Amino acid sequence: MKVLAIDTSSARIVSGIVEVTGTDITTLAESSTTGATMHAEVLAPSIAQASHVAGVPLAELDGIVVGLGPGPFTGLRVGIVTAASIGDALGLPVWGVGSLDAVAVGASGLTLVVSDARRKEVYFAWYDGDRRIDGPDVRRPEDLDTRGSRAVRVVHAGASKYLEELQRLGSVVTERYPTPDSLVHLAVRDGLVGGPSNTLEPIYLRRPDAAEPKPKPRLDVTGPTGR
């Protein structure tokens, strides 16, 4: 089974072609580009490149896995809409998984996973190994709870500007992003691969920066009276 994997929840735009054989997962090709505001421009060429390198035309795919976030509104929407559009055009199932969950794949012990939420905040979730036990949520990094212990691993996806605050939370701080392998691993683990599409509900956690303009007040104009 050949699967396209996509994640645009962070500044790193990830796509790749993954082969699934039973419980074995092999990445055939991967493309990743860092660009916080370039998701729309970069994603489609990245998918085309991964497809070419893997030697797997999109028409030969068996499904698509996409990260649902949490992430900033615009970038996250690009990945989910792209996955849904390709799935619809080719008649493929699309399976959505948590992006922070993908970062936690392979973790051991109590682990805190965070990503940059902008506005001086981070998205975060707690894991026991790679099983989520709390979150996701959004908060200022200095307000994150240490859960009474520094004996915790902190993994971040592009939140290095908060390194000092993260080091306060855990004895080991490493950087990692979702990968095609980890995204597909989640979909296989949760029994999604091989089944119908699940609900592609983006995890925004807060309102988007852009908002619809408020309606203008009605201006009633009348002509001169007394004529």
N, C-alpha and C. Protein backbone atom coordinates (compact mmCIF):
# COMPACT_ATOMS: atom_id res chain seq x y z
N MET A 1 0.85 -1.19 0.00
CA MET A 1 0.00 0.00 0.00
C MET A 1 0.89 1.24 0.00
N LYS A 2 0.62 2.16 -0.93
CA LYS A 2 1.40 3.39 -1.04
C LYS A 2 0.56 4.55 -0.51
N VAL A 3 1.17 5.35 0.38
CA VAL A 3 0.44 6.41 1.07
C VAL A 3 1.21 7.72 0.95
N LEU A 4 0.50 8.80 0.64
CA LEU A 4 1.06 10.14 0.68
C LEU A 4 0.84 10.71 2.07
N ALA A 5 1.90 11.28 2.67
CA ALA A 5 1.80 11.89 4.00
C ALA A 5 2.13 13.37 3.90
N ILE A 6 1.34 14.20 4.58
CA ILE A 6 1.48 15.66 4.52
C ILE A 6 1.34 16.23 5.91
N ASP A 7 2.19 17.22 6.24
CA ASP A 7 1.97 17.99 7.46
C ASP A 7 2.42 19.44 7.23
N THR A 8 1.52 20.37 7.57
CA THR A 8 1.84 21.80 7.45
C THR A 8 1.49 22.53 8.75
N SER A 9 1.62 21.84 9.87
CA SER A 9 1.25 22.41 11.16
C SER A 9 2.31 23.35 11.74
N SER A 10 3.51 23.30 11.18
CA SER A 10 4.62 24.11 11.70
C SER A 10 5.28 24.83 10.54
N ALA A 11 6.41 25.48 10.83
CA ALA A 11 7.14 26.18 9.78
C ALA A 11 7.80 25.20 8.81
N ARG A 12 7.91 23.94 9.18
CA ARG A 12 8.49 22.94 8.28
C ARG A 12 7.37 22.24 7.52
N ILE A 13 7.36 22.39 6.20
CA ILE A 13 6.34 21.80 5.34
C ILE A 13 6.84 20.42 4.93
N VAL A 14 6.10 19.39 5.30
CA VAL A 14 6.55 18.01 5.13
C VAL A 14 5.62 17.25 4.20
N SER A 15 6.20 16.50 3.28
CA SER A 15 5.42 15.58 2.45
C SER A 15 6.30 14.39 2.10
N GLY A 16 5.66 13.27 1.81
CA GLY A 16 6.44 12.09 1.46
C GLY A 16 5.56 10.95 1.02
N ILE A 17 6.18 9.98 0.35
CA ILE A 17 5.50 8.76 -0.07
C ILE A 17 5.99 7.62 0.80
N VAL A 18 5.05 6.92 1.42
CA VAL A 18 5.38 5.87 2.38
C VAL A 18 4.72 4.56 1.93
N GLU A 19 5.46 3.46 2.04
CA GLU A 19 4.91 2.15 1.72
C GLU A 19 4.56 1.42 3.01
N VAL A 20 3.36 0.88 3.07
CA VAL A 20 2.89 0.14 4.25
C VAL A 20 2.66 -1.31 3.85
N THR A 21 3.38 -2.22 4.52
CA THR A 21 3.21 -3.65 4.29
C THR A 21 2.98 -4.30 5.64
N GLY A 22 1.72 -4.58 5.95
CA GLY A 22 1.41 -5.09 7.29
C GLY A 22 1.69 -4.01 8.31
N THR A 23 2.61 -4.30 9.24
CA THR A 23 3.02 -3.30 10.23
C THR A 23 4.35 -2.64 9.86
N ASP A 24 4.92 -3.02 8.72
CA ASP A 24 6.19 -2.42 8.28
C ASP A 24 5.91 -1.13 7.51
N ILE A 25 6.65 -0.07 7.87
CA ILE A 25 6.46 1.24 7.26
C ILE A 25 7.80 1.70 6.70
N THR A 26 7.84 1.98 5.39
CA THR A 26 9.08 2.39 4.74
C THR A 26 8.85 3.68 3.97
N THR A 27 9.67 4.69 4.25
CA THR A 27 9.58 5.96 3.52
C THR A 27 10.32 5.82 2.19
N LEU A 28 9.61 5.97 1.11
CA LEU A 28 10.21 5.86 -0.23
C LEU A 28 10.81 7.18 -0.68
N ALA A 29 10.22 8.28 -0.28
CA ALA A 29 10.74 9.61 -0.63
C ALA A 29 10.15 10.63 0.32
N GLU A 30 10.94 11.63 0.65
CA GLU A 30 10.49 12.66 1.59
C GLU A 30 10.98 14.03 1.12
N SER A 31 10.13 15.03 1.28
CA SER A 31 10.50 16.40 0.96
C SER A 31 10.10 17.30 2.12
N SER A 32 11.01 18.13 2.58
CA SER A 32 10.67 19.06 3.65
C SER A 32 11.34 20.40 3.39
N THR A 33 10.59 21.46 3.64
CA THR A 33 11.08 22.82 3.43
C THR A 33 10.64 23.68 4.59
N THR A 34 11.54 24.52 5.08
CA THR A 34 11.20 25.42 6.18
C THR A 34 10.84 26.79 5.62
N GLY A 35 9.62 27.23 5.93
CA GLY A 35 9.16 28.54 5.47
C GLY A 35 7.83 28.85 6.11
N ALA A 36 7.84 29.66 7.16
CA ALA A 36 6.65 29.86 7.98
C ALA A 36 5.46 30.41 7.21
N THR A 37 5.71 31.12 6.10
CA THR A 37 4.60 31.73 5.36
C THR A 37 4.54 31.24 3.91
N MET A 38 5.16 30.08 3.62
CA MET A 38 5.28 29.62 2.24
C MET A 38 4.51 28.32 1.98
N HIS A 39 3.59 27.95 2.85
CA HIS A 39 2.94 26.65 2.73
C HIS A 39 2.26 26.48 1.36
N ALA A 40 1.49 27.47 0.94
CA ALA A 40 0.74 27.35 -0.30
C ALA A 40 1.66 27.24 -1.51
N GLU A 41 2.78 27.97 -1.50
CA GLU A 41 3.71 27.96 -2.63
C GLU A 41 4.55 26.69 -2.68
N VAL A 42 4.86 26.13 -1.54
CA VAL A 42 5.83 25.03 -1.46
C VAL A 42 5.20 23.64 -1.51
N LEU A 43 4.01 23.48 -0.94
CA LEU A 43 3.48 22.13 -0.73
C LEU A 43 3.29 21.35 -2.02
N ALA A 44 2.60 21.91 -3.00
CA ALA A 44 2.32 21.16 -4.23
C ALA A 44 3.59 20.71 -4.94
N PRO A 45 4.61 21.61 -5.14
CA PRO A 45 5.86 21.14 -5.74
C PRO A 45 6.56 20.07 -4.90
N SER A 46 6.45 20.17 -3.56
CA SER A 46 7.07 19.17 -2.69
C SER A 46 6.43 17.80 -2.89
N ILE A 47 5.11 17.77 -3.01
CA ILE A 47 4.40 16.52 -3.24
C ILE A 47 4.81 15.92 -4.59
N ALA A 48 4.89 16.78 -5.60
CA ALA A 48 5.29 16.32 -6.94
C ALA A 48 6.70 15.75 -6.92
N GLN A 49 7.60 16.41 -6.19
CA GLN A 49 8.98 15.93 -6.10
C GLN A 49 9.04 14.58 -5.41
N ALA A 50 8.33 14.44 -4.29
CA ALA A 50 8.35 13.17 -3.55
C ALA A 50 7.78 12.05 -4.42
N SER A 51 6.71 12.35 -5.14
CA SER A 51 6.10 11.36 -6.03
C SER A 51 7.08 10.92 -7.11
N HIS A 52 7.82 11.88 -7.68
CA HIS A 52 8.79 11.58 -8.74
C HIS A 52 9.94 10.74 -8.20
N VAL A 53 10.50 11.14 -7.07
CA VAL A 53 11.65 10.42 -6.50
C VAL A 53 11.25 8.99 -6.11
N ALA A 54 10.05 8.83 -5.55
CA ALA A 54 9.59 7.50 -5.14
C ALA A 54 9.20 6.63 -6.32
N GLY A 55 8.97 7.26 -7.48
CA GLY A 55 8.51 6.51 -8.64
C GLY A 55 7.08 6.03 -8.49
N VAL A 56 6.30 6.79 -7.73
CA VAL A 56 4.91 6.43 -7.47
C VAL A 56 4.02 7.58 -7.93
N PRO A 57 3.38 7.48 -9.08
CA PRO A 57 2.44 8.53 -9.50
C PRO A 57 1.30 8.65 -8.50
N LEU A 58 0.76 9.86 -8.37
CA LEU A 58 -0.33 10.07 -7.42
C LEU A 58 -1.52 9.17 -7.74
N ALA A 59 -1.71 8.85 -9.00
CA ALA A 59 -2.83 8.00 -9.40
C ALA A 59 -2.69 6.58 -8.87
N GLU A 60 -1.47 6.20 -8.44
CA GLU A 60 -1.24 4.85 -7.92
C GLU A 60 -1.25 4.80 -6.39
N LEU A 61 -1.60 5.90 -5.75
CA LEU A 61 -1.67 5.92 -4.28
C LEU A 61 -2.89 5.14 -3.80
N ASP A 62 -2.78 4.67 -2.55
CA ASP A 62 -3.89 3.96 -1.92
C ASP A 62 -4.56 4.78 -0.82
N GLY A 63 -3.96 5.92 -0.45
CA GLY A 63 -4.54 6.75 0.59
C GLY A 63 -3.62 7.90 0.94
N ILE A 64 -4.11 8.79 1.79
CA ILE A 64 -3.38 10.00 2.19
C ILE A 64 -3.51 10.16 3.70
N VAL A 65 -2.40 10.50 4.35
CA VAL A 65 -2.41 10.84 5.77
C VAL A 65 -2.02 12.31 5.90
N VAL A 66 -2.76 13.06 6.72
CA VAL A 66 -2.46 14.48 6.88
C VAL A 66 -2.50 14.86 8.36
N GLY A 67 -1.56 15.72 8.76
CA GLY A 67 -1.54 16.23 10.12
C GLY A 67 -2.63 17.26 10.34
N LEU A 68 -3.38 17.11 11.42
CA LEU A 68 -4.51 18.01 11.72
C LEU A 68 -4.13 19.12 12.69
N GLY A 69 -2.87 19.20 13.09
CA GLY A 69 -2.46 20.23 14.02
C GLY A 69 -2.36 19.71 15.44
N PRO A 70 -2.31 20.65 16.40
CA PRO A 70 -2.61 22.07 16.26
C PRO A 70 -1.55 22.82 15.47
N GLY A 71 -1.99 23.96 14.92
CA GLY A 71 -1.09 24.79 14.14
C GLY A 71 -1.77 26.09 13.78
N PRO A 72 -1.00 27.06 13.30
CA PRO A 72 -1.58 28.33 12.85
C PRO A 72 -2.59 28.12 11.73
N PHE A 73 -3.62 28.93 11.70
CA PHE A 73 -4.78 28.73 10.84
C PHE A 73 -4.42 28.55 9.37
N THR A 74 -3.70 29.49 8.78
CA THR A 74 -3.48 29.47 7.33
C THR A 74 -2.66 28.28 6.89
N GLY A 75 -1.50 28.06 7.53
CA GLY A 75 -0.63 26.96 7.14
C GLY A 75 -1.30 25.62 7.30
N LEU A 76 -1.98 25.43 8.42
CA LEU A 76 -2.65 24.16 8.69
C LEU A 76 -3.73 23.89 7.64
N ARG A 77 -4.47 24.92 7.30
CA ARG A 77 -5.56 24.78 6.33
C ARG A 77 -5.03 24.37 4.96
N VAL A 78 -3.86 24.87 4.57
CA VAL A 78 -3.28 24.53 3.27
C VAL A 78 -3.07 23.02 3.17
N GLY A 79 -2.49 22.42 4.20
CA GLY A 79 -2.22 20.98 4.15
C GLY A 79 -3.49 20.15 4.12
N ILE A 80 -4.46 20.51 4.95
CA ILE A 80 -5.69 19.72 5.04
C ILE A 80 -6.51 19.84 3.76
N VAL A 81 -6.63 21.06 3.24
CA VAL A 81 -7.39 21.26 1.99
C VAL A 81 -6.71 20.54 0.82
N THR A 82 -5.38 20.58 0.78
CA THR A 82 -4.65 19.89 -0.29
C THR A 82 -4.89 18.38 -0.22
N ALA A 83 -4.79 17.82 0.98
CA ALA A 83 -5.01 16.38 1.15
C ALA A 83 -6.43 16.01 0.74
N ALA A 84 -7.41 16.80 1.19
CA ALA A 84 -8.80 16.52 0.86
C ALA A 84 -9.06 16.64 -0.64
N SER A 85 -8.44 17.63 -1.28
CA SER A 85 -8.64 17.84 -2.71
C SER A 85 -8.05 16.69 -3.54
N ILE A 86 -6.85 16.25 -3.18
CA ILE A 86 -6.24 15.14 -3.91
C ILE A 86 -7.06 13.87 -3.69
N GLY A 87 -7.49 13.66 -2.45
CA GLY A 87 -8.30 12.49 -2.15
C GLY A 87 -9.60 12.49 -2.94
N ASP A 88 -10.23 13.65 -3.02
CA ASP A 88 -11.49 13.74 -3.76
C ASP A 88 -11.28 13.52 -5.25
N ALA A 89 -10.20 14.10 -5.79
CA ALA A 89 -9.94 13.99 -7.22
C ALA A 89 -9.61 12.55 -7.63
N LEU A 90 -8.91 11.82 -6.76
CA LEU A 90 -8.46 10.47 -7.09
C LEU A 90 -9.30 9.38 -6.45
N GLY A 91 -10.32 9.78 -5.68
CA GLY A 91 -11.15 8.79 -5.01
C GLY A 91 -10.43 8.03 -3.93
N LEU A 92 -9.55 8.72 -3.18
CA LEU A 92 -8.73 8.08 -2.16
C LEU A 92 -9.24 8.42 -0.76
N PRO A 93 -9.12 7.51 0.21
CA PRO A 93 -9.43 7.86 1.59
C PRO A 93 -8.35 8.78 2.15
N VAL A 94 -8.75 9.70 3.02
CA VAL A 94 -7.82 10.63 3.67
C VAL A 94 -7.96 10.45 5.18
N TRP A 95 -6.85 10.21 5.85
CA TRP A 95 -6.85 9.94 7.29
C TRP A 95 -6.10 11.06 8.02
N GLY A 96 -6.78 11.72 8.94
CA GLY A 96 -6.17 12.79 9.70
C GLY A 96 -5.65 12.31 11.05
N VAL A 97 -4.47 12.80 11.44
CA VAL A 97 -3.86 12.43 12.73
C VAL A 97 -3.33 13.70 13.40
N GLY A 98 -3.09 13.64 14.69
CA GLY A 98 -2.56 14.78 15.42
C GLY A 98 -1.10 15.03 15.11
N SER A 99 -0.75 16.28 14.83
CA SER A 99 0.63 16.60 14.48
C SER A 99 1.58 16.48 15.68
N LEU A 100 1.15 16.91 16.87
CA LEU A 100 1.98 16.74 18.05
C LEU A 100 2.15 15.26 18.36
N ASP A 101 1.10 14.46 18.11
CA ASP A 101 1.19 13.02 18.32
C ASP A 101 2.28 12.43 17.43
N ALA A 102 2.40 12.95 16.21
CA ALA A 102 3.43 12.46 15.29
C ALA A 102 4.84 12.79 15.79
N VAL A 103 4.97 13.96 16.42
CA VAL A 103 6.28 14.33 16.99
C VAL A 103 6.64 13.39 18.14
N ALA A 104 5.63 12.90 18.87
CA ALA A 104 5.86 12.06 20.04
C ALA A 104 6.15 10.60 19.69
N VAL A 105 5.96 10.20 18.44
CA VAL A 105 6.18 8.80 18.06
C VAL A 105 7.62 8.39 18.40
N GLY A 106 7.77 7.29 19.11
CA GLY A 106 9.08 6.81 19.51
C GLY A 106 9.57 7.34 20.84
N ALA A 107 8.80 8.23 21.49
CA ALA A 107 9.21 8.78 22.78
C ALA A 107 9.09 7.73 23.87
N SER A 108 9.81 7.94 24.97
CA SER A 108 9.72 7.05 26.13
C SER A 108 9.63 7.88 27.39
N GLY A 109 8.88 7.37 28.38
CA GLY A 109 8.73 8.10 29.63
C GLY A 109 7.82 9.30 29.47
N LEU A 110 7.80 10.14 30.51
CA LEU A 110 6.98 11.35 30.48
C LEU A 110 7.59 12.36 29.53
N THR A 111 6.81 12.75 28.53
CA THR A 111 7.32 13.62 27.46
C THR A 111 6.37 14.77 27.22
N LEU A 112 6.93 15.96 27.10
CA LEU A 112 6.17 17.16 26.74
C LEU A 112 6.54 17.54 25.32
N VAL A 113 5.54 17.63 24.44
CA VAL A 113 5.78 18.02 23.05
C VAL A 113 5.18 19.40 22.83
N VAL A 114 5.96 20.31 22.26
CA VAL A 114 5.48 21.67 22.00
C VAL A 114 5.82 22.08 20.57
N SER A 115 5.07 23.04 20.06
CA SER A 115 5.38 23.66 18.78
C SER A 115 5.04 25.14 18.88
N ASP A 116 5.63 25.92 18.00
CA ASP A 116 5.47 27.37 18.06
C ASP A 116 4.06 27.76 17.62
N ALA A 117 3.35 28.46 18.49
CA ALA A 117 2.00 28.92 18.17
C ALA A 117 1.98 30.40 17.80
N ARG A 118 3.18 31.03 17.79
CA ARG A 118 3.30 32.47 17.56
C ARG A 118 2.62 33.23 18.70
N ARG A 119 2.58 34.54 18.60
CA ARG A 119 2.02 35.39 19.66
C ARG A 119 2.64 35.09 21.03
N LYS A 120 3.92 34.66 21.03
CA LYS A 120 4.65 34.33 22.27
C LYS A 120 4.01 33.17 23.02
N GLU A 121 3.37 32.23 22.27
CA GLU A 121 2.74 31.07 22.88
C GLU A 121 3.21 29.80 22.18
N VAL A 122 2.94 28.65 22.82
CA VAL A 122 3.25 27.36 22.22
C VAL A 122 2.02 26.46 22.32
N TYR A 123 1.87 25.58 21.33
CA TYR A 123 0.94 24.47 21.44
C TYR A 123 1.66 23.36 22.20
N PHE A 124 0.93 22.60 23.02
CA PHE A 124 1.62 21.56 23.78
C PHE A 124 0.68 20.41 24.10
N ALA A 125 1.28 19.26 24.38
CA ALA A 125 0.55 18.08 24.87
C ALA A 125 1.53 17.22 25.64
N TRP A 126 1.00 16.48 26.61
CA TRP A 126 1.81 15.57 27.44
C TRP A 126 1.60 14.14 26.99
N TYR A 127 2.68 13.35 27.06
CA TYR A 127 2.65 11.96 26.62
C TYR A 127 3.32 11.04 27.64
N ASP A 128 2.77 9.85 27.76
CA ASP A 128 3.45 8.76 28.46
C ASP A 128 3.95 7.84 27.37
N GLY A 129 5.25 7.91 27.09
CA GLY A 129 5.75 7.30 25.87
C GLY A 129 5.21 8.07 24.69
N ASP A 130 4.56 7.37 23.76
CA ASP A 130 3.96 8.10 22.63
C ASP A 130 2.44 8.12 22.72
N ARG A 131 1.89 7.87 23.91
CA ARG A 131 0.44 7.93 24.12
C ARG A 131 0.10 9.23 24.82
N ARG A 132 -0.76 10.03 24.18
CA ARG A 132 -1.13 11.33 24.75
C ARG A 132 -1.98 11.15 26.00
N ILE A 133 -1.59 11.88 27.07
CA ILE A 133 -2.33 11.80 28.33
C ILE A 133 -2.97 13.13 28.70
N ASP A 134 -2.60 14.21 28.00
CA ASP A 134 -3.20 15.52 28.29
C ASP A 134 -2.94 16.46 27.13
N GLY A 135 -3.92 17.32 26.83
CA GLY A 135 -3.77 18.26 25.73
C GLY A 135 -4.42 17.70 24.47
N PRO A 136 -4.24 18.41 23.35
CA PRO A 136 -3.39 19.59 23.19
C PRO A 136 -4.07 20.87 23.68
N ASP A 137 -3.20 21.86 23.96
CA ASP A 137 -3.67 23.16 24.41
C ASP A 137 -2.66 24.20 23.97
N VAL A 138 -2.94 25.47 24.27
CA VAL A 138 -2.03 26.55 23.91
C VAL A 138 -1.80 27.43 25.13
N ARG A 139 -0.54 27.85 25.32
CA ARG A 139 -0.20 28.61 26.52
C ARG A 139 1.15 29.31 26.31
N ARG A 140 1.42 30.32 27.11
CA ARG A 140 2.75 30.92 27.10
C ARG A 140 3.75 29.92 27.68
N PRO A 141 4.95 29.80 27.10
CA PRO A 141 5.88 28.77 27.57
C PRO A 141 6.26 28.91 29.04
N GLU A 142 6.32 30.14 29.56
CA GLU A 142 6.67 30.32 30.97
C GLU A 142 5.56 29.87 31.90
N ASP A 143 4.36 29.65 31.35
CA ASP A 143 3.23 29.21 32.17
C ASP A 143 3.01 27.71 32.13
N LEU A 144 3.84 26.98 31.41
CA LEU A 144 3.69 25.53 31.34
C LEU A 144 4.05 24.89 32.67
N ASP A 145 3.27 23.90 33.08
CA ASP A 145 3.47 23.19 34.34
C ASP A 145 4.60 22.17 34.18
N THR A 146 5.47 22.06 35.18
CA THR A 146 6.55 21.07 35.15
C THR A 146 6.07 19.71 35.63
N ARG A 147 4.83 19.61 36.09
CA ARG A 147 4.27 18.37 36.62
C ARG A 147 5.10 17.82 37.77
N GLY A 148 5.73 18.72 38.50
CA GLY A 148 6.43 18.34 39.72
C GLY A 148 7.76 17.65 39.52
N SER A 149 8.24 17.61 38.28
CA SER A 149 9.50 16.90 38.05
C SER A 149 10.21 17.46 36.83
N ARG A 150 11.55 17.52 36.93
CA ARG A 150 12.35 17.88 35.76
C ARG A 150 12.80 16.63 35.00
N ALA A 151 12.50 15.46 35.54
CA ALA A 151 12.90 14.22 34.87
C ALA A 151 11.93 13.92 33.73
N VAL A 152 11.86 14.86 32.79
CA VAL A 152 10.92 14.75 31.69
C VAL A 152 11.62 15.17 30.40
N ARG A 153 11.31 14.50 29.32
CA ARG A 153 11.87 14.86 28.02
C ARG A 153 10.96 15.89 27.36
N VAL A 154 11.57 16.95 26.83
CA VAL A 154 10.82 17.97 26.09
C VAL A 154 11.24 17.88 24.62
N VAL A 155 10.26 17.73 23.75
CA VAL A 155 10.51 17.68 22.32
C VAL A 155 9.77 18.84 21.67
N HIS A 156 10.45 19.64 20.87
CA HIS A 156 9.78 20.79 20.27
C HIS A 156 9.91 20.77 18.76
N ALA A 157 8.88 21.29 18.11
CA ALA A 157 8.87 21.42 16.66
C ALA A 157 8.94 22.91 16.32
N GLY A 158 10.15 23.41 16.16
CA GLY A 158 10.33 24.79 15.76
C GLY A 158 10.10 25.82 16.84
N ALA A 159 10.27 25.44 18.11
CA ALA A 159 10.08 26.39 19.22
C ALA A 159 11.40 26.72 19.90
N SER A 160 12.49 26.75 19.13
CA SER A 160 13.81 26.95 19.71
C SER A 160 13.97 28.35 20.32
N LYS A 161 13.16 29.32 19.92
CA LYS A 161 13.28 30.65 20.51
C LYS A 161 12.82 30.66 21.97
N TYR A 162 12.16 29.58 22.39
CA TYR A 162 11.74 29.45 23.79
C TYR A 162 12.62 28.45 24.54
N LEU A 163 13.84 28.27 24.05
CA LEU A 163 14.71 27.22 24.59
C LEU A 163 14.95 27.37 26.09
N GLU A 164 15.14 28.58 26.55
CA GLU A 164 15.41 28.79 27.97
C GLU A 164 14.23 28.32 28.82
N GLU A 165 13.01 28.66 28.40
CA GLU A 165 11.83 28.23 29.14
C GLU A 165 11.65 26.71 29.07
N LEU A 166 11.97 26.12 27.92
CA LEU A 166 11.81 24.68 27.76
C LEU A 166 12.83 23.91 28.59
N GLN A 167 14.02 24.44 28.71
CA GLN A 167 15.04 23.78 29.53
C GLN A 167 14.66 23.77 31.00
N ARG A 168 13.87 24.72 31.40
CA ARG A 168 13.37 24.74 32.78
C ARG A 168 12.42 23.57 33.03
N LEU A 169 11.78 23.10 31.96
CA LEU A 169 10.76 22.07 32.10
C LEU A 169 11.31 20.65 32.08
N GLY A 170 12.43 20.44 31.41
CA GLY A 170 12.92 19.07 31.26
C GLY A 170 14.43 18.98 31.20
N SER A 171 14.94 17.81 31.59
CA SER A 171 16.39 17.63 31.61
C SER A 171 16.95 17.39 30.20
N VAL A 172 16.10 16.95 29.28
CA VAL A 172 16.52 16.72 27.90
C VAL A 172 15.58 17.48 26.97
N VAL A 173 16.12 18.36 26.13
CA VAL A 173 15.32 19.12 25.18
C VAL A 173 15.86 18.85 23.78
N THR A 174 15.02 18.35 22.89
CA THR A 174 15.43 18.05 21.53
C THR A 174 14.42 18.64 20.55
N GLU A 175 14.86 18.82 19.31
CA GLU A 175 13.99 19.34 18.26
C GLU A 175 13.61 18.22 17.31
N ARG A 176 12.32 18.16 16.99
CA ARG A 176 11.84 17.15 16.05
C ARG A 176 10.53 17.62 15.45
N TYR A 177 10.32 17.27 14.19
CA TYR A 177 9.10 17.63 13.49
C TYR A 177 8.35 16.36 13.07
N PRO A 178 7.07 16.50 12.71
CA PRO A 178 6.39 15.34 12.10
C PRO A 178 7.14 14.90 10.85
N THR A 179 7.16 13.62 10.60
CA THR A 179 7.76 13.06 9.39
C THR A 179 6.72 12.20 8.69
N PRO A 180 6.91 11.92 7.40
CA PRO A 180 5.99 11.00 6.72
C PRO A 180 5.87 9.67 7.46
N ASP A 181 6.99 9.17 7.95
CA ASP A 181 7.01 7.90 8.68
C ASP A 181 6.16 7.97 9.95
N SER A 182 6.35 9.04 10.75
CA SER A 182 5.63 9.13 12.02
C SER A 182 4.14 9.39 11.80
N LEU A 183 3.79 10.15 10.77
CA LEU A 183 2.39 10.41 10.47
C LEU A 183 1.67 9.11 10.09
N VAL A 184 2.30 8.34 9.23
CA VAL A 184 1.69 7.07 8.79
C VAL A 184 1.68 6.06 9.93
N HIS A 185 2.72 6.09 10.76
CA HIS A 185 2.76 5.20 11.93
C HIS A 185 1.50 5.39 12.79
N LEU A 186 1.12 6.64 13.02
CA LEU A 186 -0.07 6.92 13.82
C LEU A 186 -1.33 6.37 13.16
N ALA A 187 -1.43 6.59 11.85
CA ALA A 187 -2.63 6.13 11.13
C ALA A 187 -2.74 4.61 11.15
N VAL A 188 -1.58 3.92 11.08
CA VAL A 188 -1.58 2.46 11.17
C VAL A 188 -1.92 2.02 12.59
N ARG A 189 -1.29 2.65 13.57
CA ARG A 189 -1.51 2.29 14.97
C ARG A 189 -2.97 2.45 15.37
N ASP A 190 -3.61 3.50 14.86
CA ASP A 190 -4.99 3.78 15.24
C ASP A 190 -6.01 3.08 14.35
N GLY A 191 -5.53 2.21 13.47
CA GLY A 191 -6.43 1.42 12.64
C GLY A 191 -7.11 2.18 11.53
N LEU A 192 -6.54 3.31 11.13
CA LEU A 192 -7.16 4.11 10.08
C LEU A 192 -6.82 3.63 8.68
N VAL A 193 -5.56 3.23 8.49
CA VAL A 193 -5.11 2.83 7.16
C VAL A 193 -5.86 1.59 6.70
N GLY A 194 -6.40 1.67 5.50
CA GLY A 194 -7.19 0.57 4.95
C GLY A 194 -8.67 0.78 5.13
N GLY A 195 -9.04 1.77 5.94
CA GLY A 195 -10.45 2.05 6.17
C GLY A 195 -10.89 3.31 5.45
N PRO A 196 -12.13 3.76 5.70
CA PRO A 196 -12.63 4.98 5.06
C PRO A 196 -12.00 6.23 5.66
N SER A 197 -12.20 7.34 5.02
CA SER A 197 -11.70 8.62 5.55
C SER A 197 -12.30 8.88 6.93
N ASN A 198 -11.49 9.48 7.81
CA ASN A 198 -12.05 9.95 9.07
C ASN A 198 -12.32 11.44 8.96
N THR A 199 -12.83 12.04 10.01
CA THR A 199 -13.19 13.45 9.98
C THR A 199 -11.94 14.32 9.99
N LEU A 200 -11.81 15.18 9.00
CA LEU A 200 -10.64 16.06 8.90
C LEU A 200 -10.95 17.38 9.61
N GLU A 201 -10.97 17.34 10.92
CA GLU A 201 -11.29 18.51 11.72
C GLU A 201 -10.00 19.18 12.19
N PRO A 202 -9.65 20.36 11.66
CA PRO A 202 -8.41 21.01 12.06
C PRO A 202 -8.41 21.34 13.55
N ILE A 203 -7.25 21.22 14.17
CA ILE A 203 -7.10 21.56 15.59
C ILE A 203 -6.49 22.96 15.66
N TYR A 204 -7.33 23.99 15.78
CA TYR A 204 -6.84 25.36 15.78
C TYR A 204 -6.56 25.86 17.20
N LEU A 205 -7.38 25.52 18.17
CA LEU A 205 -7.27 25.90 19.59
C LEU A 205 -7.53 27.38 19.86
N ARG A 206 -7.50 28.20 18.82
CA ARG A 206 -7.85 29.61 19.01
C ARG A 206 -8.32 30.16 17.67
N ARG A 207 -8.92 31.33 17.72
CA ARG A 207 -9.47 31.93 16.52
C ARG A 207 -8.34 32.39 15.59
N PRO A 208 -8.57 32.35 14.26
CA PRO A 208 -7.54 32.81 13.32
C PRO A 208 -7.29 34.30 13.46
N ASP A 209 -6.08 34.73 13.02
CA ASP A 209 -5.73 36.15 13.08
C ASP A 209 -6.66 36.98 12.20
N ALA A 210 -6.99 36.44 11.02
CA ALA A 210 -7.87 37.17 10.11
C ALA A 210 -9.31 36.95 10.52
N ALA A 211 -10.09 37.97 10.45
CA ALA A 211 -11.51 37.88 10.81
C ALA A 211 -12.33 38.58 9.75
N GLU A 212 -13.57 38.15 9.61
CA GLU A 212 -14.45 38.79 8.66
C GLU A 212 -14.74 40.22 9.10
N PRO A 213 -14.77 41.16 8.15
CA PRO A 213 -15.04 42.55 8.54
C PRO A 213 -16.44 42.69 9.10
N LYS A 214 -16.55 43.58 10.07
CA LYS A 214 -17.87 43.83 10.65
C LYS A 214 -18.74 44.58 9.63
N PRO A 215 -20.04 44.31 9.61
CA PRO A 215 -20.90 45.02 8.65
C PRO A 215 -20.90 46.52 8.93
N LYS A 216 -20.90 47.29 7.86
CA LYS A 216 -20.91 48.73 8.01
C LYS A 216 -22.28 49.20 8.47
N PRO A 217 -22.33 50.22 9.29
CA PRO A 217 -23.64 50.71 9.74
C PRO A 217 -24.44 51.25 8.55
N ARG A 218 -25.73 51.02 8.61
CA ARG A 218 -26.59 51.47 7.51
C ARG A 218 -26.73 52.98 7.55
N LEU A 219 -26.61 53.59 6.37
CA LEU A 219 -26.72 55.03 6.27
C LEU A 219 -28.00 55.36 5.50
N ASP A 220 -28.96 55.91 6.20
CA ASP A 220 -30.22 56.30 5.57
C ASP A 220 -30.11 57.73 5.06
N VAL A 221 -30.34 57.89 3.77
CA VAL A 221 -30.26 59.22 3.17
C VAL A 221 -31.63 59.57 2.60
N THR A 222 -32.13 60.71 2.99
CA THR A 222 -33.43 61.18 2.47
C THR A 222 -33.25 62.52 1.82
N GLY A 223 -34.16 62.82 0.93
CA GLY A 223 -34.11 64.11 0.25
C GLY A 223 -34.66 65.22 1.10
N PRO A 224 -34.60 66.44 0.63
CA PRO A 224 -35.14 67.58 1.37
C PRO A 224 -36.64 67.43 1.54
N THR A 225 -37.13 67.92 2.64
CA THR A 225 -38.57 67.83 2.93
C THR A 225 -39.25 69.17 2.63
N GLY A 226 -40.57 69.13 2.64
CA GLY A 226 -41.35 70.36 2.47
C GLY A 226 -41.57 70.75 1.03
N ARG A 227 -41.30 69.83 0.07
CA ARG A 227 -41.52 70.14 -1.34
C ARG A 227 -42.68 69.35 -1.90
